[in-house]
Amino acid sequence: MAHLIIRHKVADFAKWKTAFDAHADARRKAGSRGGTLYRSADNPNETLIVLEWDSVANARKFTQSSDLQETMKRAGVVDQPALFFLDDGEPVKF
């Protein structure tokens, strides 16, 4: 399964989170299968999102969509997101 990791800073986490939650259906329709949202322990307005996708191609297409760009702008993303597209991973156990 493909994954997309997004790291960005936002002006106001609560405002951004409302927009992020409202955009869930668009992510699902584009091929996302859910994921996990993290906040930096040092900066509560810095987020890291790990999303599962049906394919890397669909994840790339989604990140390039004008809908996502407009949503991020309205939500208060204040920097250029760092995007990491990942193929299947290998579990590591200790």
Protein backbone atom coordinates (compact mmCIF):
# COMPACT_ATOMS: atom_id res chain seq x y z
CA MET A 1 0.00 0.00 0.00
CA ALA A 2 1.22 3.50 -0.84
CA HIS A 3 1.62 6.25 1.74
CA LEU A 4 1.85 10.02 1.63
CA ILE A 5 3.51 11.97 4.42
CA ILE A 6 2.77 15.70 4.58
CA ARG A 7 4.58 18.11 6.91
CA HIS A 8 3.45 21.71 7.13
CA LYS A 9 2.90 24.62 9.49
CA VAL A 10 -0.45 26.29 10.00
CA ALA A 11 -1.46 29.66 11.43
CA ASP A 12 -4.07 28.20 13.79
CA PHE A 13 -4.38 24.47 14.40
CA ALA A 14 -8.08 24.53 15.36
CA LYS A 15 -9.04 26.40 12.18
CA TRP A 16 -6.86 24.13 10.05
CA LYS A 17 -8.25 20.97 11.69
CA THR A 18 -11.82 22.00 10.90
CA ALA A 19 -10.89 22.41 7.22
CA PHE A 20 -8.89 19.15 7.23
CA ASP A 21 -11.85 17.21 8.65
CA ALA A 22 -14.25 18.80 6.16
CA HIS A 23 -11.97 17.71 3.29
CA ALA A 24 -12.04 14.01 4.28
CA ASP A 25 -14.54 13.02 1.60
CA ALA A 26 -12.36 14.57 -1.12
CA ARG A 27 -9.37 12.57 0.13
CA ARG A 28 -11.40 9.36 0.23
CA LYS A 29 -12.75 9.87 -3.30
CA ALA A 30 -9.20 10.50 -4.53
CA GLY A 31 -7.98 7.16 -3.13
CA SER A 32 -6.95 7.83 0.47
CA ARG A 33 -7.78 5.08 2.93
CA GLY A 34 -7.28 7.12 6.07
CA GLY A 35 -4.24 7.70 8.19
CA THR A 36 -2.84 9.41 11.25
CA LEU A 37 -2.44 13.09 12.14
CA TYR A 38 0.42 14.20 14.41
CA ARG A 39 1.28 17.56 15.99
CA SER A 40 4.80 18.62 16.85
CA ALA A 41 5.59 18.47 20.56
CA ASP A 42 7.61 21.68 20.11
CA ASN A 43 5.18 23.65 17.92
CA PRO A 44 1.45 22.82 18.11
CA ASN A 45 0.91 24.56 14.75
CA GLU A 46 3.24 22.15 12.93
CA THR A 47 1.54 19.03 11.62
CA LEU A 48 2.65 15.72 10.18
CA ILE A 49 0.02 13.69 8.37
CA VAL A 50 0.57 10.06 7.32
CA LEU A 51 -2.08 8.90 4.85
CA GLU A 52 -2.56 5.50 3.23
CA TRP A 53 -3.43 5.56 -0.49
CA ASP A 54 -4.53 3.05 -3.06
CA SER A 55 -1.59 4.14 -5.26
CA VAL A 56 1.29 6.62 -5.33
CA ALA A 57 -0.11 7.96 -8.62
CA ASN A 58 -3.41 8.90 -6.97
CA ALA A 59 -1.62 10.48 -4.00
CA ARG A 60 0.48 12.60 -6.39
CA LYS A 61 -2.58 13.60 -8.40
CA PHE A 62 -4.39 14.65 -5.23
CA THR A 63 -1.51 16.83 -3.99
CA GLN A 64 -1.44 18.62 -7.35
CA SER A 65 -5.18 19.35 -7.41
CA SER A 66 -6.40 22.93 -7.34
CA ASP A 67 -9.02 21.83 -4.80
CA LEU A 68 -6.33 20.86 -2.29
CA GLN A 69 -4.31 24.02 -2.96
CA GLU A 70 -7.37 26.21 -2.35
CA THR A 71 -8.33 24.24 0.77
CA MET A 72 -4.84 24.60 2.26
CA LYS A 73 -4.87 28.33 1.60
CA ARG A 74 -8.29 28.77 3.26
CA ALA A 75 -7.22 26.56 6.17
CA GLY A 76 -4.20 28.72 6.95
CA VAL A 77 -1.22 26.64 5.80
CA VAL A 78 1.67 29.10 6.12
CA ASP A 79 4.56 27.31 4.46
CA GLN A 80 5.28 25.09 1.48
CA PRO A 81 4.30 21.56 2.55
CA ALA A 82 6.98 18.88 2.46
CA LEU A 83 5.56 15.85 0.64
CA PHE A 84 6.94 12.31 0.79
CA PHE A 85 5.47 9.61 -1.47
CA LEU A 86 6.22 6.09 -0.25
CA ASP A 87 5.79 2.63 -1.72
CA ASP A 88 5.00 -0.40 0.42
CA GLY A 89 6.91 -0.46 3.68
CA GLU A 90 8.49 -3.27 5.63
CA PRO A 91 7.48 -3.75 9.26
CA VAL A 92 10.36 -3.54 11.73
CA LYS A 93 9.98 -5.16 15.14
CA PHE A 94 12.17 -4.86 18.20
